[in-house]
Amino acid sequence: MGAETQQIPTEDVQLEIHLSNGQKVKVNILTSDQTEDVLEAVATKLDLPDDLVGYFSLFLIQEGVEGSFVRKLQEFELPYVSVTSLRNPDYHIVLRKSYWDSAYDRDVMENRVGLNLLYAQTVSDIERGWILVNKDQHRQLKSLQEKGSKKEFIRLAQTLKYFGYIKFDPCVTDFPEKGCHVIVSAGNNELNFHVKLPNNQMKEGSFKVTRMRCWRVTSSVSVSSSVKCEVKLELAFEYLMSKDRLQWVTITSPQAIMMSICLQSMVDELMVKKSGGSIKKMQKKRLNGSIHRSDSQQAVKSPPLLDSPDPSKEQVVKLSTKLSSVSLRGISASNSANDLSGNEFHGNYAFEGIGDDDL
């Protein structure tokens, strides 16, 4: 299949959305519904009030041992098409909170449904080892759980290390030197690195998003001797290491796109807070009547899928244009692959210089 957009007829379908506790919610939607429409359908089904919808997002997950985050579904995407076009039962869509600052948990916890969703996510993140818990804290959490004290449970969890972070699968980085194995977590306006050095020593450190001048996601396809094509994804960011020293740090991971989406949403949230805006307004509400649904079979564009490269062609094929048209921000209304220049590049509006007192 080439990069032409597929024509998808509009039909009524049922889509299954997973919650953090393994429960599934079935929603009746149209194949042409965009992410926001599906999110609203889930909220209606769960009785989540309108003013809390913006606090949640839909994520594409690949079930493995722990469930690996592929990406947050973007505004222009058609979730039904995104998940069914993968033709793989391991992929599904999950509902999670969309913000980073745990101060927003208060707003969500005031509502019964919001509280239950947040509680389920917190329990799940602890069970999968994303939030670090020592024996004593584990005992306290267990007793709060037995009492059914969900708010207190969340408040205690908020004080724990890596609360509200997304943890990625083990991957490779060139920091502090090439070929280091690393576990990256995103949260609290930083990327946290747990690096295994060549001498097997473990080191931990964090890169603050406000000190990243810019970042980019690149992809390349290498055709190995076994004629098996491998797409290699990299996230690279330029970091202010000291007052006048910028250095590029690269992470090679199949989840590079999800990492980039995390960085972008942290920056967006910082900018909204700086301007005194609220998270409710972060979700752009559509103007009433701007979307007209007709019952006729209308053709809908879905993002182009990745081609499998022809091995007889050049050995390394740049896939970045197609990839970014599927998965990254800054997409023009037409969604066509030709509108994108080479690699997806993000300048960072929240970038701050360092004063002497910061060092």
Protein backbone atom coordinates (compact mmCIF):
# COMPACT_ATOMS: atom_id res chain seq x y z
CA MET A 1 0.00 0.00 0.00
CA GLY A 2 1.43 3.37 -0.94
CA ALA A 3 1.23 6.58 1.02
CA GLU A 4 -2.15 7.41 -0.50
CA THR A 5 -4.68 7.95 2.23
CA GLN A 6 -7.11 5.12 2.67
CA GLN A 7 -10.75 5.83 2.05
CA ILE A 8 -12.75 4.65 5.03
CA PRO A 9 -16.54 4.55 4.76
CA THR A 10 -18.37 6.04 7.74
CA GLU A 11 -20.13 3.33 9.70
CA ASP A 12 -21.48 2.77 13.18
CA VAL A 13 -19.07 0.61 15.16
CA GLN A 14 -18.39 -0.46 18.71
CA LEU A 15 -14.97 0.33 20.15
CA GLU A 16 -13.55 -1.13 23.35
CA ILE A 17 -11.67 1.25 25.63
CA HIS A 18 -9.66 -0.19 28.52
CA LEU A 19 -9.46 1.38 31.96
CA SER A 20 -6.37 1.11 34.19
CA ASN A 21 -7.92 -1.63 36.32
CA GLY A 22 -8.47 -3.91 33.33
CA GLN A 23 -12.16 -3.08 32.98
CA LYS A 24 -13.39 -2.45 29.45
CA VAL A 25 -15.91 0.12 28.32
CA LYS A 26 -17.70 -0.40 25.01
CA VAL A 27 -18.71 2.77 23.19
CA ASN A 28 -20.83 3.15 20.07
CA ILE A 29 -19.09 5.53 17.69
CA LEU A 30 -18.60 6.24 14.00
CA THR A 31 -15.52 5.01 12.16
CA SER A 32 -14.96 8.68 11.26
CA ASP A 33 -15.00 9.91 14.88
CA GLN A 34 -11.87 11.72 15.97
CA THR A 35 -10.10 11.29 19.30
CA GLU A 36 -12.12 13.98 21.05
CA ASP A 37 -15.45 12.44 19.94
CA VAL A 38 -14.40 9.04 21.27
CA LEU A 39 -13.15 10.57 24.54
CA GLU A 40 -16.51 12.30 25.00
CA ALA A 41 -18.36 9.05 24.28
CA VAL A 42 -16.28 7.27 26.96
CA ALA A 43 -16.92 10.11 29.43
CA THR A 44 -20.67 9.93 28.80
CA LYS A 45 -20.65 6.16 29.29
CA LEU A 46 -18.73 6.51 32.58
CA ASP A 47 -20.72 9.53 33.81
CA LEU A 48 -17.58 11.65 33.91
CA PRO A 49 -18.70 15.31 33.90
CA ASP A 50 -17.92 17.51 30.89
CA ASP A 51 -15.56 19.79 32.80
CA LEU A 52 -13.30 16.82 33.65
CA VAL A 53 -13.04 15.36 30.14
CA GLY A 54 -10.00 17.54 29.37
CA TYR A 55 -8.11 15.93 32.26
CA PHE A 56 -8.04 12.57 30.46
CA SER A 57 -6.62 11.25 27.20
CA LEU A 58 -6.69 8.09 25.12
CA PHE A 59 -3.45 6.18 24.64
CA LEU A 60 -2.53 3.41 22.24
CA ILE A 61 -0.95 0.53 24.15
CA GLN A 62 0.71 -2.66 23.02
CA GLU A 63 0.08 -5.44 25.50
CA GLY A 64 3.19 -7.30 26.41
CA VAL A 65 4.50 -8.31 29.77
CA GLU A 66 3.65 -4.88 31.18
CA GLY A 67 1.84 -3.04 28.43
CA SER A 68 3.98 -0.66 26.46
CA PHE A 69 2.82 2.86 25.60
CA VAL A 70 2.94 3.44 21.86
CA ARG A 71 1.59 6.99 21.85
CA LYS A 72 -1.12 9.35 22.99
CA LEU A 73 -3.83 9.53 20.34
CA GLN A 74 -3.62 12.91 18.64
CA GLU A 75 -6.56 15.25 18.02
CA PHE A 76 -6.81 14.56 14.29
CA GLU A 77 -6.64 10.77 14.61
CA LEU A 78 -9.52 8.38 14.08
CA PRO A 79 -9.08 5.98 17.02
CA TYR A 80 -11.14 3.20 15.46
CA VAL A 81 -9.00 3.27 12.30
CA SER A 82 -5.75 3.66 14.25
CA VAL A 83 -6.32 0.54 16.31
CA THR A 84 -7.99 -1.71 13.70
CA SER A 85 -5.52 -0.90 10.92
CA LEU A 86 -2.77 -2.49 13.03
CA ARG A 87 -4.58 -5.84 12.66
CA ASN A 88 -3.07 -7.07 15.88
CA PRO A 89 -5.08 -8.01 18.98
CA ASP A 90 -2.18 -6.93 21.23
CA TYR A 91 -2.97 -3.26 20.57
CA HIS A 92 -5.74 -1.48 22.40
CA ILE A 93 -6.76 1.96 23.60
CA VAL A 94 -6.56 2.89 27.26
CA LEU A 95 -7.94 5.89 29.19
CA ARG A 96 -5.45 7.68 31.48
CA LYS A 97 -5.06 11.12 32.96
CA SER A 98 -3.53 13.53 30.49
CA TYR A 99 -1.80 16.04 32.78
CA TRP A 100 1.51 15.97 34.65
CA ASP A 101 1.08 18.31 37.63
CA SER A 102 -0.43 16.32 40.51
CA ALA A 103 -2.01 19.54 41.82
CA TYR A 104 -4.72 18.89 39.20
CA ASP A 105 -5.57 15.61 40.96
CA ARG A 106 -7.60 17.69 43.43
CA ASP A 107 -10.05 18.81 40.74
CA VAL A 108 -10.50 15.23 39.52
CA MET A 109 -10.89 13.72 43.00
CA GLU A 110 -13.84 15.96 43.83
CA ASN A 111 -15.92 13.87 41.47
CA ARG A 112 -16.80 10.24 42.24
CA VAL A 113 -16.03 8.93 38.74
CA GLY A 114 -12.85 11.01 38.49
CA LEU A 115 -11.71 9.67 41.86
CA ASN A 116 -12.32 6.06 40.80
CA LEU A 117 -10.38 6.52 37.54
CA LEU A 118 -7.47 8.17 39.32
CA TYR A 119 -7.47 5.52 42.04
CA ALA A 120 -7.47 2.67 39.48
CA GLN A 121 -4.56 4.27 37.61
CA THR A 122 -2.55 4.79 40.81
CA VAL A 123 -3.08 1.17 41.92
CA SER A 124 -2.09 -0.04 38.45
CA ASP A 125 1.07 2.13 38.34
CA ILE A 126 2.13 0.79 41.75
CA GLU A 127 1.47 -2.82 40.72
CA ARG A 128 3.53 -2.50 37.55
CA GLY A 129 6.41 -0.98 39.51
CA TRP A 130 6.20 2.48 37.96
CA ILE A 131 5.79 4.11 41.38
CA LEU A 132 8.46 3.08 43.90
CA VAL A 133 7.10 1.84 47.22
CA ASN A 134 9.04 0.59 50.24
CA LYS A 135 7.70 -2.03 52.68
CA ASP A 136 6.40 0.48 55.19
CA GLN A 137 4.59 2.56 52.55
CA HIS A 138 3.22 -0.64 51.06
CA ARG A 139 1.69 -1.54 54.43
CA GLN A 140 0.10 1.91 54.78
CA LEU A 141 -1.30 1.78 51.25
CA LYS A 142 -2.72 -1.68 51.83
CA SER A 143 -4.53 -0.61 54.99
CA LEU A 144 -6.00 2.47 53.23
CA GLN A 145 -7.09 0.20 50.39
CA GLU A 146 -8.81 -2.19 52.80
CA LYS A 147 -10.62 0.74 54.43
CA GLY A 148 -11.71 1.96 51.01
CA SER A 149 -10.04 5.35 51.64
CA LYS A 150 -9.33 6.18 48.01
CA LYS A 151 -8.51 9.86 48.51
CA GLU A 152 -6.02 9.15 51.30
CA PHE A 153 -4.54 6.35 49.19
CA ILE A 154 -3.92 8.78 46.31
CA ARG A 155 -2.57 11.47 48.66
CA LEU A 156 -0.03 9.04 50.10
CA ALA A 157 0.90 7.82 46.61
CA GLN A 158 1.50 11.44 45.52
CA THR A 159 4.41 11.61 47.97
CA LEU A 160 6.13 8.55 46.47
CA LYS A 161 8.96 8.54 43.95
CA TYR A 162 7.84 8.52 40.29
CA PHE A 163 4.19 9.24 41.07
CA GLY A 164 2.59 10.53 37.85
CA TYR A 165 5.49 9.38 35.66
CA ILE A 166 5.21 7.23 32.54
CA LYS A 167 7.91 4.58 32.48
CA PHE A 168 9.29 3.35 29.17
CA ASP A 169 10.70 -0.02 28.17
CA PRO A 170 14.48 -0.47 28.57
CA CYS A 171 16.35 1.15 25.67
CA VAL A 172 19.73 2.63 24.71
CA THR A 173 21.26 6.10 25.14
CA ASP A 174 24.54 7.82 24.25
CA PHE A 175 24.71 9.56 27.63
CA PRO A 176 27.09 9.59 29.47
CA GLU A 177 28.66 7.43 26.74
CA LYS A 178 27.55 5.52 23.66
CA GLY A 179 25.62 2.27 24.00
CA CYS A 180 24.46 2.63 27.62
CA HIS A 181 21.34 0.72 28.60
CA VAL A 182 18.78 3.02 30.18
CA ILE A 183 15.30 3.07 31.64
CA VAL A 184 13.65 6.40 30.88
CA SER A 185 10.67 7.79 32.80
CA ALA A 186 8.78 10.98 31.96
CA GLY A 187 7.11 13.10 34.63
CA ASN A 188 7.48 16.16 36.85
CA ASN A 189 8.74 18.23 33.88
CA GLU A 190 11.75 16.01 33.34
CA LEU A 191 13.06 12.87 31.67
CA ASN A 192 14.55 10.65 34.36
CA PHE A 193 17.40 8.32 33.35
CA HIS A 194 18.33 5.12 35.13
CA VAL A 195 21.56 4.26 33.29
CA LYS A 196 23.68 1.14 33.41
CA LEU A 197 27.28 2.17 32.72
CA PRO A 198 29.69 -0.15 30.85
CA ASN A 199 31.26 -1.10 34.21
CA ASN A 200 27.75 -2.27 35.29
CA GLN A 201 27.44 0.60 37.75
CA MET A 202 23.91 2.10 37.93
CA LYS A 203 23.47 5.86 37.76
CA GLU A 204 20.36 7.99 38.02
CA GLY A 205 19.84 11.53 36.79
CA SER A 206 17.22 13.84 35.34
CA PHE A 207 16.98 16.17 32.36
CA LYS A 208 14.61 19.06 32.99
CA VAL A 209 12.31 19.98 30.13
CA THR A 210 12.97 23.71 30.75
CA ARG A 211 16.65 23.15 29.90
CA MET A 212 15.99 21.38 26.59
CA ARG A 213 16.50 23.88 23.81
CA CYS A 214 14.81 21.66 21.24
CA TRP A 215 14.30 18.03 20.36
CA ARG A 216 13.59 15.90 17.34
CA VAL A 217 12.46 12.41 16.45
CA THR A 218 14.24 10.70 13.57
CA SER A 219 13.73 7.34 11.99
CA SER A 220 15.72 5.21 9.63
CA VAL A 221 15.18 1.82 8.10
CA SER A 222 18.05 -0.59 7.91
CA VAL A 223 17.82 -3.71 5.82
CA SER A 224 19.95 -6.38 7.41
CA SER A 225 21.42 -9.40 5.66
CA SER A 226 18.41 -11.49 6.64
CA VAL A 227 16.35 -9.04 4.54
CA LYS A 228 14.35 -8.21 7.65
CA CYS A 229 13.60 -4.50 7.74
CA GLU A 230 14.09 -2.69 10.99
CA VAL A 231 12.77 0.76 11.70
CA LYS A 232 15.03 2.53 14.16
CA LEU A 233 13.52 5.45 16.05
CA GLU A 234 15.54 8.02 17.96
CA LEU A 235 14.67 10.92 20.19
CA ALA A 236 17.46 13.49 20.46
CA PHE A 237 17.31 16.63 22.60
CA GLU A 238 19.74 19.51 22.95
CA TYR A 239 20.36 20.09 26.65
CA LEU A 240 21.84 23.00 28.56
CA MET A 241 24.39 21.08 30.65
CA SER A 242 25.91 24.21 32.15
CA LYS A 243 25.68 27.94 31.64
CA ASP A 244 27.25 27.98 28.18
CA ARG A 245 27.38 24.33 27.18
CA LEU A 246 24.67 22.68 25.10
CA GLN A 247 24.93 18.97 24.37
CA TRP A 248 22.81 16.59 22.30
CA VAL A 249 21.55 13.49 24.13
CA THR A 250 20.08 10.66 22.06
CA ILE A 251 17.71 7.87 23.09
CA THR A 252 17.17 4.96 20.69
CA SER A 253 13.79 3.44 21.46
CA PRO A 254 10.70 2.15 19.62
CA GLN A 255 8.83 4.49 22.01
CA ALA A 256 10.65 7.65 20.84
CA ILE A 257 7.40 9.13 19.51
CA MET A 258 5.63 8.64 22.84
CA MET A 259 8.60 10.27 24.60
CA SER A 260 8.37 13.26 22.26
CA ILE A 261 4.61 13.54 22.88
CA CYS A 262 5.30 13.53 26.64
CA LEU A 263 7.87 16.33 26.30
CA GLN A 264 5.50 18.36 24.14
CA SER A 265 2.58 17.97 26.55
CA MET A 266 4.80 18.96 29.52
CA VAL A 267 5.84 22.11 27.66
CA ASP A 268 2.22 22.85 26.71
CA GLU A 269 1.13 22.46 30.33
CA LEU A 270 3.95 24.72 31.58
CA MET A 271 2.97 27.38 29.04
CA VAL A 272 -0.71 27.19 29.99
CA LYS A 273 0.18 27.60 33.67
CA LYS A 274 2.53 30.50 32.89
CA SER A 275 -0.22 32.34 31.07
CA GLY A 276 -2.66 31.70 33.92
CA GLY A 277 -4.84 29.40 31.81
CA SER A 278 -6.52 26.24 33.04
CA ILE A 279 -6.32 22.64 31.97
CA LYS A 280 -10.00 22.71 31.06
CA LYS A 281 -9.22 25.18 28.32
CA MET A 282 -6.28 23.13 27.08
CA GLN A 283 -8.66 20.87 25.25
CA LYS A 284 -9.81 22.97 22.35
CA LYS A 285 -13.57 22.85 22.34
CA ARG A 286 -15.01 22.70 18.89
CA LEU A 287 -17.34 25.46 17.84
CA ASN A 288 -20.91 24.28 17.92
CA GLY A 289 -22.05 23.13 14.56
CA SER A 290 -18.61 23.08 12.99
CA ILE A 291 -18.86 19.34 12.62
CA HIS A 292 -21.75 18.15 10.51
CA ARG A 293 -22.29 14.44 10.50
CA SER A 294 -24.14 13.24 7.48
CA ASP A 295 -25.63 9.79 7.33
CA SER A 296 -24.35 9.33 3.82
CA GLN A 297 -21.26 7.21 3.33
CA GLN A 298 -18.61 9.86 3.46
CA ALA A 299 -14.99 9.07 2.75
CA VAL A 300 -12.62 9.82 5.57
CA LYS A 301 -8.88 10.17 5.39
CA SER A 302 -6.81 8.17 7.79
CA PRO A 303 -3.11 8.76 8.27
CA PRO A 304 -0.96 6.82 5.81
CA LEU A 305 0.48 3.62 7.19
CA LEU A 306 4.16 2.81 7.00
CA ASP A 307 5.26 1.18 3.79
CA SER A 308 7.45 -1.84 3.94
CA PRO A 309 10.52 -0.68 2.06
CA ASP A 310 11.65 -2.50 -1.04
CA PRO A 311 14.97 -4.18 -0.12
CA SER A 312 16.29 -3.76 -3.66
CA LYS A 313 16.16 0.02 -3.26
CA GLU A 314 18.61 2.07 -1.27
CA GLN A 315 19.73 0.39 1.95
CA VAL A 316 18.66 3.18 4.28
CA VAL A 317 15.31 4.81 3.69
CA LYS A 318 14.26 7.89 5.61
CA LEU A 319 10.82 7.21 6.97
CA SER A 320 10.52 10.37 8.96
CA THR A 321 8.06 12.14 6.71
CA LYS A 322 5.57 9.32 6.71
CA LEU A 323 6.10 8.56 10.34
CA SER A 324 5.57 12.08 11.48
CA SER A 325 2.41 12.33 9.44
CA VAL A 326 1.03 9.39 11.35
CA SER A 327 2.04 10.29 14.79
CA LEU A 328 3.28 13.73 15.54
CA ARG A 329 2.01 17.19 16.14
CA GLY A 330 2.09 20.05 13.73
CA ILE A 331 0.13 18.26 11.06
CA SER A 332 -1.57 20.37 8.45
CA ALA A 333 -5.28 19.93 7.94
CA SER A 334 -4.84 17.74 4.90
CA ASN A 335 -2.81 15.08 6.77
CA SER A 336 -0.85 14.37 3.64
CA ALA A 337 2.68 13.11 3.95
CA ASN A 338 4.03 15.69 1.50
CA ASP A 339 3.30 18.60 3.80
CA LEU A 340 6.04 17.60 6.19
CA SER A 341 9.64 18.42 5.87
CA GLY A 342 12.21 15.76 6.75
CA ASN A 343 12.39 15.20 10.46
CA GLU A 344 10.01 16.33 13.13
CA PHE A 345 11.72 19.19 14.95
CA HIS A 346 10.44 20.87 18.10
CA GLY A 347 11.70 24.21 19.36
CA ASN A 348 10.93 24.58 23.05
CA TYR A 349 9.06 27.71 24.14
CA ALA A 350 9.56 26.81 27.80
CA PHE A 351 13.35 26.75 27.43
CA GLU A 352 15.01 28.83 30.13
CA GLY A 353 18.62 29.93 30.35
CA ILE A 354 20.50 29.20 33.54
CA GLY A 355 21.57 31.82 36.02
CA ASP A 356 24.75 31.28 38.04
CA ASP A 357 22.68 30.38 41.08
CA ASP A 358 21.16 27.38 39.27
CA LEU A 359 24.46 25.61 38.82
